[in-house]
Every structure is written in structure tokens, then in C-alpha cells.
Amino acid sequence: MLDLGRLRALHAVAVHGTVGAAATALGYTPSAVSQQIAKLERETRTTLLEREGRGVRLTDEARQLADTAERLLALVEEAEVRLEERRGLPAGRLRIGCFASGARGLMPRVLAELAARHPALDARLSEVDPHLSVDLVARGVLDLAVAHDWDIAPLPVPPEVEQAVIGPDRCDILVPRGHRLAGRDAVRREELAEERWITQPPGTVCHDWLIRTLRATGYEPLVAHQAEENHTQVALVAAGLGIALVPRLGRGALPPEVVPLRLDPVPTRWLRALWRTGAARRPAITETVRTLRELWPEVAEVHSSDLPPE
């Protein structure tokens, strides 16, 4: 009989593409994942992984087995949901994915609250891109994801995934202290022509929003520097190398060389919780979503503390 844990390891490699990424998602070491798949190869008398450069490639037999594993894992999840629903208490392992600034600014508080309230619940966090998280939830790799989107770039959510709004995360313009606008409380988009921008790389939601929005005012933004991490963007602003549009969540305390300004109208991204429709009744899901929505106003207020009152 095939071992479910070994099938889960193979499925994770198929989804994430590498043994290392699969190990991170499962909370194992790469060596442990490799051992699980090696045992599965002996059980099935089939080669499942082949070396390809520095990585591995799934054989055709492995992909077929991974597809079967996905269906089996879905059945196991359904059974677990029914048992947990009968008990009426959040319990078992809950795999949560969250984007970087949310993982830093929101999830520590949420995970600590869940641990205190529900000791039988084993919530585990992975940092993932918001667009990737939708597919990971749909495929059963994650039980729940916290993602974000903007008005011009809504998250494409398939029918088998449900969602709930957690709350709005507002964004501000960050300028060096000696900047010509540093003494203002708020600025309009039209006043930012000819500025040198620091933003995330192309293809990210924040970058695309900035480019589309500023083009709509009639000028092409000059992107001088690109950095994925908000903290890196803040450091570049502090060095006087440009201005940036940075969300408040997870931004942290600003250095004295950086001044936040409100952009009028205020850009807002919306935080959302996503889960599979089949798991909607699971107490671990409903309680985590409730906790996210309950704590969000307090978290949002903390991350707005360095701005003047509106």
C-alpha cells in the first residue's frame, strides 16, 4: 500500500518544482523529502525523479502519480474537515500562506492569538507571492492564504476558492526629509511629475499600479531604482535617491531621513483571505478568518502611527 506521507512529498515537488521548495512548504528538510521520495520509488519500483542540471525533473510516471496524490489528499482533507466540524473546535495542521509585508506586519500577531486561544491548532506560515497563493490554495498545497490586490488589478479567483475581505491597507508617498514636498501633509498625483521613483520590479502589483496610475495623469514615470523589499525602498529614499509609494503594513518605523506624505486620493490595496470551498466549514478556517478580521483594525492603526491625523 502506498504511504500517504510519501505521496504528499511527491505532490509538493510537482507543485513547487524543486525538492528545496517542497521541503519549505511541508516544513521538512530537503533531505527528508528526498528520503520520502526514494522510499516511494522502492515501493512502486518506478523512477520518479531524474537529475536535470542542478535540479530534478519528474518522470511521466511521477506526474501521473502526483495527480492521483492530489485527488487522494483532497479526500483526506474532506474527511478531516468533517471530523473537525463534528468536534466544533479548531484543530490539526493549518497551512497558511501570506505575502511578505503581511507575514511581517500582521501574521505574528494573528498566529500568537490563535496559539493562545486554540492550543490544538497547529498553524504554520509560509511567505508566498499573492498571485501564486491563489493557485496553491486551489491545488490544496495551502489551506488558507492572505493575499492583496488593488482596484486596477483584482486577484483572479477560480470558482473552487472562496474569499473574504480582511481590510484596507493604505499607501503613502515617502520622500527624503530635504525634498521640496516634505513639509506638506498631502500631495496630488499631478504634483509628482519629473520625480525619480523607487518601486518594485515590473510584473508586481505595486509596480503596475504606480505605472498605470501616473500615466493616467499624463506623464511617464521615471523609475530610477527597483527593489522587492519595502525596507530596501525606504533605505533608498533615506539616501535621497528618489521617492516611493509604500504600503503602511509591515513598513516599520521610518528613519528620521524619510517623511511620509498622503497621496490624494489615497491609494489602497485590499487584504483578502482565501480558502477552498470544500474547507469552508472547517472550524480552523472560520476561526482564522475571524481572527484576521478582528485584529486588522488594531494592526492598521499601529502602522499608521507615523502619520498626522486625517
Protein backbone atom coordinates (compact mmCIF):
# COMPACT_ATOMS: atom_id res chain seq x y z
CA MET A 1 0.00 0.00 0.00
CA LEU A 2 1.29 3.45 -0.90
CA ASP A 3 2.23 5.69 2.00
CA LEU A 4 0.24 8.96 2.09
CA GLY A 5 3.13 10.97 3.53
CA ARG A 6 5.37 9.92 0.65
CA LEU A 7 2.67 10.80 -1.86
CA ARG A 8 2.35 14.20 -0.21
CA ALA A 9 6.10 14.75 -0.65
CA LEU A 10 5.92 13.87 -4.35
CA HIS A 11 2.89 16.12 -4.83
CA ALA A 12 4.75 19.00 -3.18
CA VAL A 13 7.71 18.59 -5.55
CA ALA A 14 5.32 18.55 -8.51
CA VAL A 15 3.64 21.75 -7.33
CA HIS A 16 6.71 23.71 -6.22
CA GLY A 17 9.18 22.47 -8.82
CA THR A 18 12.16 21.66 -6.58
CA VAL A 19 12.89 19.47 -3.58
CA GLY A 20 14.02 22.51 -1.59
CA ALA A 21 10.82 24.46 -2.26
CA ALA A 22 8.72 21.40 -1.45
CA ALA A 23 10.58 20.97 1.83
CA THR A 24 9.91 24.59 2.77
CA ALA A 25 6.19 24.21 2.03
CA LEU A 26 5.93 20.99 4.04
CA GLY A 27 8.07 22.15 6.95
CA TYR A 28 10.66 19.41 6.35
CA THR A 29 14.33 19.38 5.40
CA PRO A 30 15.24 18.74 1.74
CA SER A 31 16.93 15.55 2.85
CA ALA A 32 13.71 14.31 4.45
CA VAL A 33 11.72 14.97 1.27
CA SER A 34 14.34 13.19 -0.84
CA GLN A 35 14.20 10.20 1.52
CA GLN A 36 10.41 10.05 1.30
CA ILE A 37 10.51 10.01 -2.50
CA ALA A 38 13.32 7.44 -2.55
CA LYS A 39 11.16 5.14 -0.41
CA LEU A 40 8.22 5.76 -2.74
CA GLU A 41 10.39 4.77 -5.70
CA ARG A 42 11.24 1.50 -3.98
CA GLU A 43 7.58 0.89 -3.14
CA THR A 44 6.45 1.50 -6.71
CA ARG A 45 9.59 0.08 -8.38
CA THR A 46 9.49 3.20 -10.53
CA THR A 47 11.92 6.04 -11.18
CA LEU A 48 10.12 9.22 -10.11
CA LEU A 49 12.82 11.91 -10.16
CA GLU A 50 15.63 12.35 -12.66
CA ARG A 51 18.58 14.72 -12.41
CA GLU A 52 18.37 17.75 -14.68
CA GLY A 53 21.25 20.19 -14.29
CA ARG A 54 21.37 21.19 -10.65
CA GLY A 55 17.73 20.28 -10.09
CA VAL A 56 15.38 17.39 -10.70
CA ARG A 57 12.68 16.54 -13.23
CA LEU A 58 9.57 14.48 -12.60
CA THR A 59 9.19 11.48 -14.90
CA ASP A 60 5.90 10.87 -16.70
CA GLU A 61 5.09 8.16 -14.14
CA ALA A 62 5.77 10.61 -11.33
CA ARG A 63 3.41 13.20 -12.79
CA GLN A 64 0.66 10.62 -13.11
CA LEU A 65 1.21 9.54 -9.52
CA ALA A 66 1.27 13.17 -8.34
CA ASP A 67 -2.11 13.77 -10.00
CA THR A 68 -3.51 10.76 -8.16
CA ALA A 69 -1.94 12.02 -4.94
CA GLU A 70 -3.73 15.35 -5.38
CA ARG A 71 -7.09 13.61 -5.52
CA LEU A 72 -6.26 11.43 -2.52
CA LEU A 73 -5.13 14.43 -0.47
CA ALA A 74 -8.39 16.19 -1.32
CA LEU A 75 -10.34 13.20 0.02
CA VAL A 76 -8.25 13.17 3.19
CA GLU A 77 -8.89 16.87 3.65
CA GLU A 78 -12.62 16.31 3.27
CA ALA A 79 -12.54 13.63 5.97
CA GLU A 80 -10.52 15.87 8.28
CA VAL A 81 -12.94 18.76 7.73
CA ARG A 82 -15.91 16.56 8.66
CA LEU A 83 -14.23 15.30 11.83
CA GLU A 84 -13.15 18.79 12.88
CA GLU A 85 -16.63 20.11 12.14
CA ARG A 86 -18.19 17.46 14.39
CA ARG A 87 -15.82 18.40 17.22
CA GLY A 88 -16.61 22.06 16.65
CA LEU A 89 -13.12 23.22 17.67
CA PRO A 90 -10.17 24.39 15.53
CA ALA A 91 -7.61 21.60 15.48
CA GLY A 92 -4.96 19.92 13.36
CA ARG A 93 -2.44 21.46 10.99
CA LEU A 94 -3.36 24.63 9.11
CA ARG A 95 -1.01 25.69 6.30
CA ILE A 96 -1.18 29.46 5.78
CA GLY A 97 0.48 31.47 3.03
CA CYS A 98 0.96 35.23 3.19
CA PHE A 99 2.74 37.92 1.17
CA ALA A 100 5.95 39.39 2.59
CA SER A 101 4.79 42.59 4.32
CA GLY A 102 1.71 40.83 5.68
CA ALA A 103 3.85 37.98 7.02
CA ARG A 104 5.95 40.58 8.82
CA GLY A 105 3.33 43.11 9.90
CA LEU A 106 0.15 41.09 10.52
CA MET A 107 0.70 37.37 10.87
CA PRO A 108 2.87 37.27 14.03
CA ARG A 109 0.00 38.83 15.97
CA VAL A 110 -2.58 36.54 14.38
CA LEU A 111 -0.56 33.35 14.89
CA ALA A 112 0.14 34.22 18.52
CA GLU A 113 -3.56 34.85 19.13
CA LEU A 114 -4.56 31.56 17.51
CA ALA A 115 -1.97 29.65 19.55
CA ALA A 116 -3.26 31.19 22.79
CA ARG A 117 -6.93 30.55 22.03
CA HIS A 118 -6.68 27.15 20.33
CA PRO A 119 -3.76 25.00 21.53
CA ALA A 120 -4.96 22.05 19.42
CA LEU A 121 -4.49 24.08 16.24
CA ASP A 122 -1.07 23.79 14.57
CA ALA A 123 -0.95 26.86 12.28
CA ARG A 124 2.14 27.06 10.04
CA LEU A 125 3.11 30.07 7.94
CA SER A 126 4.86 30.27 4.55
CA GLU A 127 5.75 33.52 2.78
CA VAL A 128 4.38 33.42 -0.79
CA ASP A 129 3.60 35.82 -3.62
CA PRO A 130 -0.10 36.84 -3.53
CA HIS A 131 -0.78 35.71 -7.11
CA LEU A 132 0.90 32.34 -6.55
CA SER A 133 -1.05 31.81 -3.33
CA VAL A 134 -4.40 31.57 -5.17
CA ASP A 135 -3.23 28.57 -7.18
CA LEU A 136 -1.61 26.99 -4.11
CA VAL A 137 -4.92 27.21 -2.27
CA ALA A 138 -6.85 25.84 -5.24
CA ARG A 139 -4.45 22.87 -5.50
CA GLY A 140 -4.57 22.09 -1.79
CA VAL A 141 -0.96 22.98 -1.03
CA LEU A 142 -2.15 25.76 1.28
CA ASP A 143 -5.24 25.59 3.46
CA LEU A 144 -5.61 29.36 3.64
CA ALA A 145 -3.86 32.34 2.08
CA VAL A 146 -3.69 36.02 2.95
CA ALA A 147 -3.24 37.98 -0.27
CA HIS A 148 -3.78 41.52 -1.51
CA ASP A 149 -4.98 43.26 -4.65
CA TRP A 150 -5.69 46.76 -5.97
CA ASP A 151 -8.69 48.24 -7.73
CA ILE A 152 -6.94 48.10 -11.12
CA ALA A 153 -5.55 44.60 -10.57
CA PRO A 154 -8.06 42.34 -8.78
CA LEU A 155 -6.96 38.83 -7.88
CA PRO A 156 -8.27 36.22 -10.34
CA VAL A 157 -10.02 33.74 -8.04
CA PRO A 158 -11.33 30.44 -9.50
CA PRO A 159 -14.81 29.11 -8.56
CA GLU A 160 -13.37 26.48 -6.19
CA VAL A 161 -11.81 29.17 -3.99
CA GLU A 162 -13.78 31.40 -1.60
CA GLN A 163 -12.60 34.71 -0.19
CA ALA A 164 -13.33 37.29 2.48
CA VAL A 165 -12.12 40.86 2.77
CA ILE A 166 -9.87 41.45 5.79
CA GLY A 167 -9.48 45.20 5.37
CA PRO A 168 -7.82 48.07 3.50
CA ASP A 169 -4.09 48.78 3.63
CA ARG A 170 -3.39 52.36 2.62
CA CYS A 171 -0.21 53.52 0.93
CA ASP A 172 1.80 56.72 1.28
CA ILE A 173 4.43 58.63 -0.64
CA LEU A 174 7.82 58.52 1.09
CA VAL A 175 10.21 61.39 0.37
CA PRO A 176 13.64 62.41 1.71
CA ARG A 177 13.46 64.95 4.53
CA GLY A 178 15.02 67.66 2.35
CA HIS A 179 12.55 67.11 -0.50
CA ARG A 180 10.56 70.08 -1.82
CA LEU A 181 7.28 68.45 -0.68
CA ALA A 182 8.49 67.27 2.74
CA GLY A 183 6.59 69.98 4.64
CA ARG A 184 3.21 69.03 3.16
CA ASP A 185 0.61 66.75 4.75
CA ALA A 186 -0.73 65.59 1.38
CA VAL A 187 0.08 65.86 -2.33
CA ARG A 188 -1.81 65.23 -5.58
CA ARG A 189 -0.62 62.83 -8.23
CA GLU A 190 -0.21 65.66 -10.73
CA GLU A 191 2.45 67.23 -8.49
CA LEU A 192 4.77 64.24 -8.83
CA ALA A 193 5.77 64.65 -12.47
CA GLU A 194 9.53 64.55 -13.12
CA GLU A 195 10.22 62.72 -9.83
CA ARG A 196 12.66 59.81 -9.69
CA TRP A 197 10.77 56.76 -8.44
CA ILE A 198 11.85 53.79 -6.37
CA THR A 199 9.48 50.86 -6.82
CA GLN A 200 9.14 47.11 -7.04
CA PRO A 201 10.17 45.28 -10.26
CA PRO A 202 7.83 45.11 -13.28
CA GLY A 203 5.14 42.46 -13.03
CA THR A 204 4.41 43.11 -9.36
CA VAL A 205 1.07 44.59 -8.37
CA CYS A 206 2.61 47.68 -6.74
CA HIS A 207 4.79 48.48 -9.77
CA ASP A 208 1.94 48.04 -12.25
CA TRP A 209 -0.41 50.20 -10.17
CA LEU A 210 2.16 53.00 -9.98
CA ILE A 211 2.90 52.98 -13.71
CA ARG A 212 -0.75 52.85 -14.81
CA THR A 213 -1.91 55.48 -12.33
CA LEU A 214 0.78 58.02 -13.13
CA ARG A 215 0.43 57.51 -16.86
CA ALA A 216 -3.25 58.39 -16.45
CA THR A 217 -2.20 61.84 -15.22
CA GLY A 218 -0.39 62.49 -18.50
CA TYR A 219 3.27 61.70 -17.87
CA GLU A 220 5.60 58.72 -17.96
CA PRO A 221 7.08 57.97 -14.54
CA LEU A 222 10.87 57.81 -14.30
CA VAL A 223 11.74 54.59 -12.44
CA ALA A 224 15.29 55.05 -11.17
CA HIS A 225 15.58 52.07 -8.77
CA GLN A 226 13.79 48.75 -8.32
CA ALA A 227 13.69 46.73 -5.10
CA GLU A 228 11.36 43.93 -4.00
CA GLU A 229 11.64 44.62 -0.26
CA ASN A 230 9.87 47.65 1.21
CA HIS A 231 12.73 48.12 3.68
CA THR A 232 15.16 48.45 0.77
CA GLN A 233 12.94 51.06 -0.85
CA VAL A 234 12.85 53.02 2.43
CA ALA A 235 16.65 52.89 2.66
CA LEU A 236 16.97 54.24 -0.89
CA VAL A 237 14.58 57.09 -0.08
CA ALA A 238 16.56 57.86 3.08
CA ALA A 239 19.70 58.19 0.94
CA GLY A 240 17.96 60.86 -1.16
CA LEU A 241 17.82 58.70 -4.31
CA GLY A 242 14.15 59.16 -5.12
CA ILE A 243 10.61 58.85 -3.77
CA ALA A 244 8.49 55.73 -3.29
CA LEU A 245 4.90 54.62 -2.87
CA VAL A 246 4.93 52.14 0.04
CA PRO A 247 2.03 50.39 1.83
CA ARG A 248 1.76 51.00 5.56
CA LEU A 249 1.51 47.34 6.57
CA GLY A 250 4.88 45.90 7.52
CA ARG A 251 6.69 49.13 6.67
CA GLY A 252 8.04 49.53 10.19
CA ALA A 253 9.28 52.70 11.84
CA LEU A 254 10.69 55.17 9.33
CA PRO A 255 14.20 56.58 9.77
CA PRO A 256 14.43 60.33 10.51
CA GLU A 257 15.65 60.96 6.94
CA VAL A 258 12.28 59.83 5.50
CA VAL A 259 8.98 61.74 5.59
CA PRO A 260 5.58 60.11 4.79
CA LEU A 261 3.01 62.10 2.81
CA ARG A 262 -0.59 61.28 1.98
CA LEU A 263 -1.33 60.95 -1.70
CA ASP A 264 -4.71 62.43 -2.66
CA PRO A 265 -6.69 60.32 -3.39
CA VAL A 266 -5.15 57.70 -1.11
CA PRO A 267 -4.02 54.51 -2.91
CA THR A 268 -5.41 51.43 -1.19
CA ARG A 269 -4.76 47.73 -1.52
CA TRP A 270 -7.24 45.26 -0.04
CA LEU A 271 -6.21 42.29 2.07
CA ARG A 272 -8.18 39.11 1.46
CA ALA A 273 -8.34 35.64 2.99
CA LEU A 274 -8.72 32.74 0.53
CA TRP A 275 -9.60 29.09 1.12
CA ARG A 276 -11.03 26.17 -0.81
CA THR A 277 -14.80 25.88 -0.98
CA GLY A 278 -14.65 22.33 0.32
CA ALA A 279 -12.95 23.51 3.52
CA ALA A 280 -15.33 26.40 4.22
CA ARG A 281 -16.96 24.58 7.16
CA ARG A 282 -13.69 23.73 8.85
CA PRO A 283 -13.50 25.49 12.25
CA ALA A 284 -9.77 26.16 11.79
CA ILE A 285 -10.57 28.17 8.64
CA THR A 286 -13.54 30.09 10.04
CA GLU A 287 -11.71 30.94 13.27
CA THR A 288 -8.56 32.09 11.47
CA VAL A 289 -10.56 34.34 9.14
CA ARG A 290 -12.48 35.73 12.11
CA THR A 291 -9.21 36.44 13.95
CA LEU A 292 -7.69 38.14 10.91
CA ARG A 293 -10.69 40.47 10.58
CA GLU A 294 -10.88 41.10 14.31
CA LEU A 295 -7.22 42.11 14.67
CA TRP A 296 -6.86 44.04 11.43
CA PRO A 297 -8.17 47.43 12.72
CA GLU A 298 -5.64 47.39 15.59
CA VAL A 299 -2.78 46.38 13.29
CA ALA A 300 -3.72 49.01 10.70
CA GLU A 301 -3.80 51.72 13.37
CA VAL A 302 -0.33 50.79 14.61
CA HIS A 303 1.07 51.03 11.09
CA SER A 304 -0.46 54.50 10.66
CA SER A 305 1.09 55.94 13.81
CA ASP A 306 3.83 57.90 11.99
CA LEU A 307 1.28 59.99 10.02
CA PRO A 308 -0.52 63.18 11.10
CA PRO A 309 -4.27 62.79 11.83
CA GLU A 310 -6.54 62.89 8.79
